[in-house]
N, C-alpha and C. Protein backbone atom coordinates (compact mmCIF):
# COMPACT_ATOMS: atom_id res chain seq x y z
N UNK A 1 -10.24 2.78 16.58
CA UNK A 1 -8.93 3.40 16.47
C UNK A 1 -7.89 2.41 15.92
N UNK A 2 -8.08 1.14 16.22
CA UNK A 2 -7.13 0.14 15.70
C UNK A 2 -7.11 0.13 14.17
N UNK A 3 -8.27 0.28 13.55
CA UNK A 3 -8.33 0.33 12.09
C UNK A 3 -7.61 1.57 11.58
N UNK A 4 -7.79 2.69 12.25
CA UNK A 4 -7.09 3.93 11.88
C UNK A 4 -5.59 3.76 12.04
N UNK A 5 -5.15 3.09 13.09
CA UNK A 5 -3.72 2.84 13.29
C UNK A 5 -3.16 1.95 12.18
N UNK A 6 -3.95 0.97 11.74
CA UNK A 6 -3.51 0.13 10.62
C UNK A 6 -3.35 0.97 9.35
N UNK A 7 -4.29 1.89 9.13
CA UNK A 7 -4.19 2.78 7.96
C UNK A 7 -2.98 3.69 8.08
N UNK A 8 -2.69 4.16 9.30
CA UNK A 8 -1.50 4.98 9.52
C UNK A 8 -0.23 4.20 9.20
N UNK A 9 -0.20 2.95 9.60
CA UNK A 9 0.96 2.12 9.29
C UNK A 9 1.11 1.93 7.78
N UNK A 10 0.00 1.77 7.08
CA UNK A 10 0.04 1.65 5.61
C UNK A 10 0.61 2.93 4.99
N UNK A 11 0.24 4.08 5.55
CA UNK A 11 0.79 5.35 5.06
C UNK A 11 2.30 5.37 5.28
N UNK A 12 2.74 4.99 6.47
CA UNK A 12 4.18 4.97 6.77
C UNK A 12 4.91 4.03 5.83
N UNK A 13 4.34 2.86 5.57
CA UNK A 13 4.95 1.89 4.66
C UNK A 13 5.10 2.45 3.25
N UNK A 14 4.21 3.39 2.89
CA UNK A 14 4.26 4.03 1.57
C UNK A 14 5.13 5.29 1.57
N UNK A 15 5.77 5.57 2.72
CA UNK A 15 6.63 6.75 2.81
C UNK A 15 5.91 8.03 3.15
N UNK A 16 4.65 7.90 3.55
CA UNK A 16 3.84 9.06 3.92
C UNK A 16 3.85 9.22 5.44
N UNK A 17 3.53 10.41 5.92
CA UNK A 17 3.39 10.63 7.35
C UNK A 17 2.30 9.70 7.88
N UNK A 18 2.58 8.93 8.93
CA UNK A 18 1.63 7.91 9.38
C UNK A 18 0.43 8.47 10.14
N UNK A 19 -0.58 8.82 9.37
CA UNK A 19 -1.86 9.24 9.93
C UNK A 19 -2.93 8.42 9.22
N UNK A 20 -3.84 7.87 10.00
CA UNK A 20 -4.93 7.07 9.45
C UNK A 20 -6.26 7.53 10.00
N UNK A 21 -7.31 7.29 9.23
CA UNK A 21 -8.66 7.71 9.63
C UNK A 21 -9.67 6.65 9.21
N UNK A 22 -10.78 6.64 9.92
CA UNK A 22 -11.87 5.72 9.60
C UNK A 22 -13.19 6.43 9.91
N UNK A 23 -14.17 6.23 9.03
CA UNK A 23 -15.52 6.75 9.25
C UNK A 23 -16.40 5.56 9.61
N UNK A 24 -17.09 5.69 10.74
CA UNK A 24 -17.89 4.60 11.28
C UNK A 24 -19.33 5.08 11.50
N UNK A 25 -20.28 4.19 11.26
CA UNK A 25 -21.67 4.46 11.61
C UNK A 25 -21.87 3.91 13.02
N UNK A 26 -21.98 4.79 14.02
CA UNK A 26 -22.08 4.29 15.41
C UNK A 26 -23.37 3.53 15.69
N UNK A 27 -24.39 3.70 14.86
CA UNK A 27 -25.64 2.98 15.11
C UNK A 27 -25.53 1.50 14.75
N UNK A 28 -24.60 1.17 13.85
CA UNK A 28 -24.45 -0.23 13.42
C UNK A 28 -23.04 -0.77 13.67
N UNK A 29 -22.08 0.13 13.88
CA UNK A 29 -20.69 -0.28 14.01
C UNK A 29 -20.01 -0.49 12.67
N UNK A 30 -20.73 -0.26 11.59
CA UNK A 30 -20.19 -0.47 10.25
C UNK A 30 -19.09 0.53 9.93
N UNK A 31 -17.97 0.02 9.41
CA UNK A 31 -16.91 0.88 8.90
C UNK A 31 -17.32 1.30 7.50
N UNK A 32 -17.54 2.59 7.32
CA UNK A 32 -17.98 3.12 6.03
C UNK A 32 -16.79 3.35 5.11
N UNK A 33 -15.70 3.90 5.67
CA UNK A 33 -14.55 4.26 4.85
C UNK A 33 -13.30 4.34 5.71
N UNK A 34 -12.16 4.14 5.07
CA UNK A 34 -10.87 4.35 5.73
C UNK A 34 -10.04 5.27 4.86
N UNK A 35 -9.06 5.89 5.48
CA UNK A 35 -8.16 6.76 4.74
C UNK A 35 -6.79 6.77 5.38
N UNK A 36 -5.78 6.94 4.56
CA UNK A 36 -4.40 7.06 5.03
C UNK A 36 -3.80 8.27 4.34
N UNK A 37 -2.90 8.93 5.03
CA UNK A 37 -2.22 10.07 4.42
C UNK A 37 -1.61 9.65 3.09
N UNK A 38 -1.77 10.49 2.05
CA UNK A 38 -1.19 10.19 0.75
C UNK A 38 -0.90 11.42 -0.10
N UNK A 39 -0.58 12.56 0.50
CA UNK A 39 -0.30 13.73 -0.34
C UNK A 39 0.95 13.59 -1.21
N UNK A 40 1.96 12.87 -0.74
CA UNK A 40 3.18 12.72 -1.53
C UNK A 40 2.91 11.84 -2.75
N UNK A 41 2.35 10.67 -2.51
CA UNK A 41 2.10 9.73 -3.60
C UNK A 41 1.08 10.20 -4.63
N UNK A 42 0.10 10.98 -4.18
CA UNK A 42 -0.94 11.44 -5.11
C UNK A 42 -0.67 12.84 -5.65
N UNK A 43 0.40 13.47 -5.15
CA UNK A 43 0.72 14.85 -5.54
C UNK A 43 -0.47 15.76 -5.26
N UNK A 44 -1.08 15.55 -4.11
CA UNK A 44 -2.29 16.28 -3.72
C UNK A 44 -2.16 16.76 -2.28
N UNK A 45 -1.97 18.06 -2.09
CA UNK A 45 -1.79 18.57 -0.73
C UNK A 45 -3.02 18.39 0.16
N UNK A 46 -4.17 18.10 -0.42
CA UNK A 46 -5.37 17.88 0.39
C UNK A 46 -5.60 16.41 0.75
N UNK A 47 -4.72 15.53 0.35
CA UNK A 47 -4.92 14.09 0.55
C UNK A 47 -4.50 13.65 1.95
N UNK A 48 -4.99 14.37 2.97
CA UNK A 48 -4.79 13.94 4.35
C UNK A 48 -5.72 12.77 4.62
N UNK A 49 -5.40 11.97 5.61
CA UNK A 49 -6.18 10.77 5.92
C UNK A 49 -7.66 11.09 6.12
N UNK A 50 -7.95 12.18 6.83
CA UNK A 50 -9.34 12.55 7.10
C UNK A 50 -10.09 12.85 5.80
N UNK A 51 -9.47 13.62 4.92
CA UNK A 51 -10.10 14.00 3.65
C UNK A 51 -10.34 12.76 2.80
N UNK A 52 -9.34 11.88 2.73
CA UNK A 52 -9.48 10.65 1.96
C UNK A 52 -10.67 9.83 2.48
N UNK A 53 -10.77 9.67 3.79
CA UNK A 53 -11.86 8.90 4.38
C UNK A 53 -13.21 9.59 4.18
N UNK A 54 -13.26 10.90 4.35
CA UNK A 54 -14.52 11.63 4.15
C UNK A 54 -15.00 11.53 2.70
N UNK A 55 -14.08 11.65 1.76
CA UNK A 55 -14.45 11.53 0.33
C UNK A 55 -15.04 10.15 0.03
N UNK A 56 -14.38 9.11 0.55
CA UNK A 56 -14.87 7.75 0.30
C UNK A 56 -16.24 7.54 0.94
N UNK A 57 -16.40 8.02 2.17
CA UNK A 57 -17.68 7.86 2.86
C UNK A 57 -18.80 8.61 2.12
N UNK A 58 -18.51 9.81 1.65
CA UNK A 58 -19.51 10.58 0.92
C UNK A 58 -19.91 9.88 -0.37
N UNK A 59 -18.92 9.32 -1.08
CA UNK A 59 -19.23 8.56 -2.30
C UNK A 59 -20.11 7.36 -1.99
N UNK A 60 -19.75 6.63 -0.96
CA UNK A 60 -20.52 5.43 -0.60
C UNK A 60 -21.94 5.77 -0.15
N UNK A 61 -22.09 6.88 0.56
CA UNK A 61 -23.40 7.30 1.05
C UNK A 61 -24.20 8.06 -0.01
N UNK A 62 -23.52 8.52 -1.05
CA UNK A 62 -24.21 9.29 -2.08
C UNK A 62 -24.66 10.65 -1.56
N UNK A 63 -23.90 11.17 -0.59
CA UNK A 63 -24.27 12.45 0.02
C UNK A 63 -23.03 13.04 0.68
N UNK A 64 -22.83 14.33 0.50
CA UNK A 64 -21.68 14.97 1.13
C UNK A 64 -21.93 15.25 2.60
N UNK A 65 -23.15 15.12 3.05
CA UNK A 65 -23.47 15.28 4.47
C UNK A 65 -23.36 13.92 5.15
N UNK A 66 -22.51 13.85 6.13
CA UNK A 66 -22.26 12.60 6.83
C UNK A 66 -22.75 12.69 8.27
N UNK A 67 -23.89 13.34 8.43
CA UNK A 67 -24.49 13.57 9.74
C UNK A 67 -24.67 12.26 10.49
N UNK A 68 -24.29 12.27 11.75
CA UNK A 68 -24.47 11.10 12.60
C UNK A 68 -23.34 10.11 12.56
N UNK A 69 -22.40 10.28 11.65
CA UNK A 69 -21.28 9.35 11.57
C UNK A 69 -20.14 9.83 12.46
N UNK A 70 -19.24 8.92 12.78
CA UNK A 70 -18.08 9.21 13.61
C UNK A 70 -16.82 9.10 12.76
N UNK A 71 -15.94 10.08 12.89
CA UNK A 71 -14.63 10.04 12.25
C UNK A 71 -13.60 9.78 13.34
N UNK A 72 -12.82 8.73 13.15
CA UNK A 72 -11.76 8.38 14.08
C UNK A 72 -10.44 8.59 13.35
N UNK A 73 -9.54 9.36 13.94
CA UNK A 73 -8.27 9.66 13.30
C UNK A 73 -7.14 9.59 14.33
N UNK A 74 -5.98 9.17 13.89
CA UNK A 74 -4.87 8.94 14.81
C UNK A 74 -4.22 10.22 15.32
N UNK A 75 -4.40 11.34 14.63
CA UNK A 75 -3.78 12.60 15.01
C UNK A 75 -4.81 13.72 14.97
N UNK A 76 -4.71 14.64 15.91
CA UNK A 76 -5.59 15.81 15.93
C UNK A 76 -5.63 16.46 14.54
N UNK A 77 -6.80 16.69 13.98
CA UNK A 77 -6.90 17.28 12.65
C UNK A 77 -6.35 18.70 12.55
N UNK A 78 -5.83 19.01 11.37
CA UNK A 78 -5.37 20.36 11.05
C UNK A 78 -6.59 21.23 10.71
N UNK A 79 -6.35 22.49 10.41
CA UNK A 79 -7.44 23.41 10.10
C UNK A 79 -8.19 22.99 8.84
N UNK A 80 -7.48 22.54 7.81
CA UNK A 80 -8.14 22.10 6.58
C UNK A 80 -9.09 20.94 6.87
N UNK A 81 -8.60 19.97 7.61
CA UNK A 81 -9.42 18.79 7.91
C UNK A 81 -10.57 19.13 8.85
N UNK A 82 -10.33 20.02 9.81
CA UNK A 82 -11.41 20.46 10.70
C UNK A 82 -12.51 21.13 9.88
N UNK A 83 -12.13 21.94 8.91
CA UNK A 83 -13.13 22.57 8.03
C UNK A 83 -13.93 21.53 7.26
N UNK A 84 -13.25 20.52 6.74
CA UNK A 84 -13.95 19.46 6.00
C UNK A 84 -14.89 18.67 6.92
N UNK A 85 -14.45 18.42 8.14
CA UNK A 85 -15.28 17.71 9.12
C UNK A 85 -16.55 18.52 9.39
N UNK A 86 -16.40 19.82 9.53
CA UNK A 86 -17.55 20.69 9.77
C UNK A 86 -18.49 20.69 8.57
N UNK A 87 -17.95 20.83 7.37
CA UNK A 87 -18.78 20.84 6.16
C UNK A 87 -19.50 19.52 5.96
N UNK A 88 -18.86 18.42 6.35
CA UNK A 88 -19.48 17.10 6.20
C UNK A 88 -20.53 16.81 7.27
N UNK A 89 -20.57 17.65 8.30
CA UNK A 89 -21.52 17.48 9.41
C UNK A 89 -21.30 16.19 10.18
N UNK A 90 -20.01 15.82 10.33
CA UNK A 90 -19.66 14.64 11.13
C UNK A 90 -20.23 14.83 12.53
N UNK A 91 -20.83 13.79 13.07
CA UNK A 91 -21.44 13.89 14.39
C UNK A 91 -20.45 13.84 15.54
N UNK A 92 -19.41 13.03 15.35
CA UNK A 92 -18.44 12.86 16.43
C UNK A 92 -17.06 12.68 15.84
N UNK A 93 -16.09 13.36 16.43
CA UNK A 93 -14.69 13.24 16.06
C UNK A 93 -13.95 12.62 17.23
N UNK A 94 -13.23 11.55 16.95
CA UNK A 94 -12.40 10.89 17.95
C UNK A 94 -10.97 10.91 17.40
N UNK A 95 -10.03 11.43 18.18
CA UNK A 95 -8.65 11.42 17.69
C UNK A 95 -7.71 10.88 18.76
N UNK A 96 -6.53 10.46 18.30
CA UNK A 96 -5.52 9.90 19.18
C UNK A 96 -4.63 10.98 19.76
N UNK A 97 -3.49 11.20 19.12
CA UNK A 97 -2.49 12.13 19.63
C UNK A 97 -2.86 13.58 19.33
N UNK A 98 -2.54 14.44 20.27
CA UNK A 98 -2.67 15.88 20.01
C UNK A 98 -1.52 16.32 19.12
N UNK A 99 -1.74 17.39 18.36
CA UNK A 99 -0.71 17.94 17.49
C UNK A 99 -0.51 19.41 17.86
N UNK A 100 0.44 19.64 18.76
CA UNK A 100 0.68 21.01 19.26
C UNK A 100 1.11 21.96 18.15
N UNK A 101 1.75 21.44 17.11
CA UNK A 101 2.26 22.29 16.03
C UNK A 101 1.22 22.54 14.94
N UNK A 102 0.52 21.51 14.51
CA UNK A 102 -0.38 21.65 13.37
C UNK A 102 -1.84 21.38 13.65
N UNK A 103 -2.15 20.99 14.87
CA UNK A 103 -3.54 20.69 15.21
C UNK A 103 -4.40 21.93 15.26
N UNK A 104 -5.69 21.74 15.02
CA UNK A 104 -6.62 22.88 15.00
C UNK A 104 -7.90 22.61 15.77
N UNK A 105 -7.90 21.58 16.61
CA UNK A 105 -9.10 21.25 17.37
C UNK A 105 -8.93 21.65 18.84
N UNK A 106 -7.92 21.11 19.51
CA UNK A 106 -7.64 21.51 20.89
C UNK A 106 -6.39 22.38 20.97
N UNK A 107 -5.68 22.50 19.87
CA UNK A 107 -4.50 23.35 19.75
C UNK A 107 -4.74 24.38 18.65
N UNK A 108 -3.81 25.29 18.49
CA UNK A 108 -3.88 26.26 17.41
C UNK A 108 -5.18 27.05 17.41
N UNK A 109 -5.83 27.12 16.25
CA UNK A 109 -7.02 27.97 16.14
C UNK A 109 -8.28 27.44 16.81
N UNK A 110 -8.24 26.20 17.27
CA UNK A 110 -9.44 25.60 17.90
C UNK A 110 -10.67 25.85 17.03
N UNK A 111 -10.61 25.32 15.86
CA UNK A 111 -11.57 25.57 14.78
C UNK A 111 -13.03 25.49 15.22
N UNK A 112 -13.37 24.44 15.94
CA UNK A 112 -14.78 24.24 16.29
C UNK A 112 -15.30 25.23 17.33
N UNK A 113 -14.40 25.98 17.95
CA UNK A 113 -14.80 26.99 18.92
C UNK A 113 -15.03 28.36 18.29
N UNK A 114 -14.70 28.50 17.01
CA UNK A 114 -14.83 29.79 16.34
C UNK A 114 -16.30 30.10 16.01
N UNK A 115 -16.66 31.36 16.13
CA UNK A 115 -18.05 31.76 15.83
C UNK A 115 -18.41 31.53 14.37
N UNK A 116 -17.42 31.48 13.50
CA UNK A 116 -17.67 31.27 12.07
C UNK A 116 -17.85 29.79 11.71
N UNK A 117 -17.60 28.90 12.66
CA UNK A 117 -17.79 27.46 12.42
C UNK A 117 -19.28 27.16 12.45
N UNK A 118 -19.80 26.60 11.36
CA UNK A 118 -21.25 26.37 11.26
C UNK A 118 -21.70 25.00 11.76
N UNK A 119 -20.77 24.09 12.03
CA UNK A 119 -21.15 22.77 12.54
C UNK A 119 -20.04 22.29 13.46
N UNK A 120 -20.41 21.87 14.64
CA UNK A 120 -19.44 21.43 15.64
C UNK A 120 -19.73 19.99 16.04
N UNK A 121 -18.81 19.09 15.73
CA UNK A 121 -19.02 17.71 16.17
C UNK A 121 -18.70 17.58 17.66
N UNK A 122 -19.19 16.53 18.25
CA UNK A 122 -18.73 16.15 19.58
C UNK A 122 -17.26 15.72 19.40
N UNK A 123 -16.39 16.10 20.30
CA UNK A 123 -14.95 15.81 20.16
C UNK A 123 -14.46 15.02 21.36
N UNK A 124 -13.70 13.96 21.07
CA UNK A 124 -13.06 13.16 22.11
C UNK A 124 -11.62 12.91 21.67
N UNK A 125 -10.67 13.40 22.43
CA UNK A 125 -9.26 13.21 22.10
C UNK A 125 -8.58 12.27 23.06
N UNK A 126 -7.39 11.85 22.68
CA UNK A 126 -6.56 11.04 23.57
C UNK A 126 -6.76 9.54 23.49
N UNK A 127 -7.54 9.06 22.52
CA UNK A 127 -7.79 7.62 22.40
C UNK A 127 -6.57 6.95 21.75
N UNK A 128 -5.94 6.06 22.48
CA UNK A 128 -4.70 5.40 22.05
C UNK A 128 -3.66 6.43 21.62
N UNK A 129 -3.62 7.54 22.36
CA UNK A 129 -2.72 8.65 22.03
C UNK A 129 -1.26 8.24 22.06
N UNK A 130 -0.87 7.45 23.05
CA UNK A 130 0.54 7.05 23.15
C UNK A 130 0.97 6.22 21.96
N UNK A 131 0.11 5.32 21.53
CA UNK A 131 0.45 4.47 20.38
C UNK A 131 0.52 5.31 19.09
N UNK A 132 -0.44 6.22 18.94
CA UNK A 132 -0.44 7.10 17.76
C UNK A 132 0.80 7.97 17.75
N UNK A 133 1.13 8.55 18.89
CA UNK A 133 2.28 9.43 19.01
C UNK A 133 3.59 8.66 18.76
N UNK A 134 3.69 7.48 19.31
CA UNK A 134 4.90 6.67 19.13
C UNK A 134 5.13 6.34 17.66
N UNK A 135 4.06 6.06 16.93
CA UNK A 135 4.21 5.76 15.51
C UNK A 135 4.75 6.97 14.76
N UNK A 136 4.21 8.14 15.05
CA UNK A 136 4.67 9.37 14.40
C UNK A 136 6.12 9.68 14.78
N UNK A 137 6.44 9.60 16.05
CA UNK A 137 7.80 9.89 16.50
C UNK A 137 8.80 8.93 15.88
N UNK A 138 8.47 7.66 15.83
CA UNK A 138 9.35 6.67 15.22
C UNK A 138 9.57 6.94 13.74
N UNK A 139 8.52 7.32 13.05
CA UNK A 139 8.60 7.63 11.63
C UNK A 139 9.55 8.80 11.38
N UNK A 140 9.36 9.89 12.13
CA UNK A 140 10.19 11.08 11.91
C UNK A 140 11.62 10.87 12.40
N UNK A 141 11.81 10.07 13.44
CA UNK A 141 13.16 9.76 13.90
C UNK A 141 13.92 9.00 12.81
N UNK A 142 13.25 8.03 12.19
CA UNK A 142 13.87 7.25 11.11
C UNK A 142 14.17 8.15 9.91
N UNK A 143 13.29 9.10 9.63
CA UNK A 143 13.51 10.02 8.52
C UNK A 143 14.73 10.91 8.77
N UNK A 144 14.83 11.41 9.98
CA UNK A 144 15.98 12.27 10.32
C UNK A 144 17.28 11.47 10.23
N UNK A 145 17.23 10.24 10.69
CA UNK A 145 18.41 9.38 10.69
C UNK A 145 18.86 9.07 9.25
N UNK A 146 17.90 8.87 8.36
CA UNK A 146 18.24 8.54 6.98
C UNK A 146 18.52 9.79 6.15
N UNK A 147 18.20 10.96 6.69
CA UNK A 147 18.48 12.21 5.96
C UNK A 147 17.43 12.59 4.94
N UNK A 148 16.29 11.89 4.95
CA UNK A 148 15.20 12.25 4.02
C UNK A 148 14.02 12.79 4.80
N UNK A 149 13.29 13.66 4.18
CA UNK A 149 12.11 14.26 4.84
C UNK A 149 10.88 13.98 4.02
N UNK A 150 9.73 13.82 4.68
CA UNK A 150 8.50 13.55 3.92
C UNK A 150 8.05 14.79 3.15
């Protein structure tokens, strides 16, 4: 999660919403890929941290199936990212802060609980949740204070 938090900070430094992700091979501990939110800078609405990390991991593995790998992300994934996690066949999802407004794992549509979901990773939430949440709250507080929005 610390690597994901570093990626989230890099996103914030670039003016993006501070969300970071990392794909890890739990059998070796190897970090396969990292991702930071970048939809503003790349002009790509799909460039969420999870998608960026999944794309990099798939390229490195030479396979869009990432079975057995773990995705660690600082914020509960949205519906788009949950769908990508399912399609990639991620074995385990670990996230930090819950997202009551935009989350789709333990909040909102609870994507992995739907009968139409074809792959369900093991899910563990709340890892370094306070630190993840504080980073997001600080970012948005500073944005409101400066009068600019992401």
